[in-house]
Structures are given as structure tokens and as C-alpha cells.
């Protein structure tokens, strides 16, 4: 199990991303717009830099929802490979069985 502080830190990042998503998108649209003047682009980039670092989407770590493990993470079920195997063997995941041949 991962430390609770790292799990809580990641949850805080997820909240910040949701909070600042619209503001970031608007500033990035100004920056990438070719019709914007140099002053507008500079002002938008300064405002973007002043936003919290943890409000960027790429700062979120994919971690297992059950254990907090960050390595061996499967995106669709949102769990680690170890928990995926454990739950599949127990029959907890619908449609997934342990293969044998």
C-alpha cells in the first residue's frame, strides 16, 4: 500500500485539474491562435505560468484505486496488475477468467 500522503496529494491534483481546466484551455487557445498579437500571447503565457503547477493534467499520476501502486497500472479498470490478477482469480471482474491450456 502506498503512503496515504501520496494518495491524498494525487487526489488534490485531480481536484485542481478540474478546477482550472476551463481557465487553462482559454489561455492555451489564446496562445495557439495565430491571429493573437504578441502582447496578448505574452500576457496569456504569463497568466498560464502563474496558475498552480499541480493544475496541469500531466501532473496526475495513474495509481491503483485499491492499493495506490503506480507501476503496472491498467487504465481501463484503474487497478494495478497485481490486483487485476487477484480479482480475476476470485471471479470479481466480469468476463475475465484465468486462462489455462
Protein backbone atom coordinates (compact mmCIF):
# COMPACT_ATOMS: atom_id res chain seq x y z
CA UNK A 1 0.00 0.00 0.00
CA UNK A 2 1.28 3.42 -0.90
CA UNK A 3 1.62 6.15 1.69
CA UNK A 4 -1.60 7.99 2.39
CA UNK A 5 0.15 11.32 1.82
CA UNK A 6 1.00 10.38 -1.78
CA UNK A 7 -2.55 9.18 -2.43
CA UNK A 8 -4.01 12.37 -0.94
CA UNK A 9 -1.56 14.51 -2.91
CA UNK A 10 -2.74 12.88 -6.12
CA UNK A 11 -6.40 13.45 -5.16
CA UNK A 12 -5.58 17.12 -4.57
CA UNK A 13 -4.04 17.30 -8.05
CA UNK A 14 -7.18 15.79 -9.58
CA UNK A 15 -9.33 18.46 -7.88
CA UNK A 16 -7.01 21.26 -9.04
CA UNK A 17 -7.06 20.00 -12.64
CA UNK A 18 -10.87 20.03 -12.61
CA UNK A 19 -10.94 23.50 -11.03
CA UNK A 20 -8.57 25.16 -13.52
CA UNK A 21 -9.40 23.18 -16.69
CA UNK A 22 -11.52 25.91 -18.34
CA UNK A 23 -9.08 28.69 -17.46
CA UNK A 24 -6.11 26.71 -18.81
CA UNK A 25 -7.98 25.85 -22.02
CA UNK A 26 -8.88 29.50 -22.63
CA UNK A 27 -5.29 30.69 -22.09
CA UNK A 28 -3.88 27.94 -24.30
CA UNK A 29 -6.37 28.85 -27.03
CA UNK A 30 -5.12 32.46 -26.97
CA UNK A 31 -1.50 31.30 -27.11
CA UNK A 32 -2.05 28.90 -30.01
CA UNK A 33 -4.26 31.31 -32.00
CA UNK A 34 -2.30 32.72 -34.93
CA UNK A 35 -4.43 35.86 -35.01
CA UNK A 36 -3.39 36.90 -31.49
CA UNK A 37 -0.89 39.71 -31.15
CA UNK A 38 2.47 39.21 -29.48
CA UNK A 39 1.33 41.19 -26.43
CA UNK A 40 -1.78 39.03 -25.99
CA UNK A 41 0.26 35.83 -26.31
CA UNK A 42 2.81 37.08 -23.79
CA UNK A 43 0.11 38.14 -21.31
CA UNK A 44 -1.67 34.80 -21.66
CA UNK A 45 1.57 32.85 -21.15
CA UNK A 46 2.35 34.87 -18.01
CA UNK A 47 -1.14 34.14 -16.63
CA UNK A 48 -0.72 30.45 -17.51
CA UNK A 49 2.60 30.35 -15.68
CA UNK A 50 1.02 31.88 -12.57
CA UNK A 51 -1.54 29.07 -12.28
CA UNK A 52 -0.66 26.30 -9.80
CA UNK A 53 1.70 23.68 -11.18
CA UNK A 54 -0.46 20.86 -9.93
CA UNK A 55 -3.38 22.11 -12.00
CA UNK A 56 -1.72 20.73 -15.14
CA UNK A 57 -3.27 17.46 -16.33
CA UNK A 58 0.07 15.75 -16.88
CA UNK A 59 0.92 16.07 -13.17
CA UNK A 60 -1.70 13.44 -12.24
CA UNK A 61 -0.21 10.01 -11.58
CA UNK A 62 -2.11 6.90 -12.60
CA UNK A 63 -2.29 4.90 -9.40
CA UNK A 64 -4.24 1.81 -8.39
CA UNK A 65 -7.51 2.71 -6.67
CA UNK A 66 -7.20 -0.22 -4.29
CA UNK A 67 -3.55 -0.10 -3.23
CA UNK A 68 -2.06 3.15 -4.55
CA UNK A 69 0.57 1.29 -6.59
CA UNK A 70 1.81 3.39 -9.52
CA UNK A 71 3.67 0.77 -11.56
CA UNK A 72 1.94 -1.92 -13.60
CA UNK A 73 -1.24 0.16 -13.91
CA UNK A 74 -4.10 -0.81 -16.25
CA UNK A 75 -6.04 2.24 -17.40
CA UNK A 76 -9.45 0.77 -18.11
CA UNK A 77 -10.07 -0.98 -14.76
CA UNK A 78 -7.89 1.62 -12.96
CA UNK A 79 -6.05 -1.01 -10.92
CA UNK A 80 -2.56 -2.47 -10.80
CA UNK A 81 -1.57 -5.74 -12.45
CA UNK A 82 -1.32 -7.49 -9.08
CA UNK A 83 -4.84 -6.53 -8.03
CA UNK A 84 -6.16 -7.34 -11.52
CA UNK A 85 -4.81 -10.87 -11.27
CA UNK A 86 -6.10 -11.29 -7.70
CA UNK A 87 -9.60 -10.09 -8.55
CA UNK A 88 -9.71 -12.14 -11.77
CA UNK A 89 -8.78 -15.30 -9.86
CA UNK A 90 -11.51 -14.60 -7.33
CA UNK A 91 -14.06 -14.03 -10.13
CA UNK A 92 -14.70 -10.42 -9.12
CA UNK A 93 -14.14 -8.97 -12.61
CA UNK A 94 -16.99 -9.86 -15.01
CA UNK A 95 -15.92 -11.61 -18.19
CA UNK A 96 -12.37 -12.24 -17.02
CA UNK A 97 -11.13 -15.72 -16.18
CA UNK A 98 -7.71 -17.18 -15.58
CA UNK A 99 -6.51 -18.80 -18.75
CA UNK A 100 -5.42 -22.43 -18.78
CA UNK A 101 -4.41 -24.64 -21.69
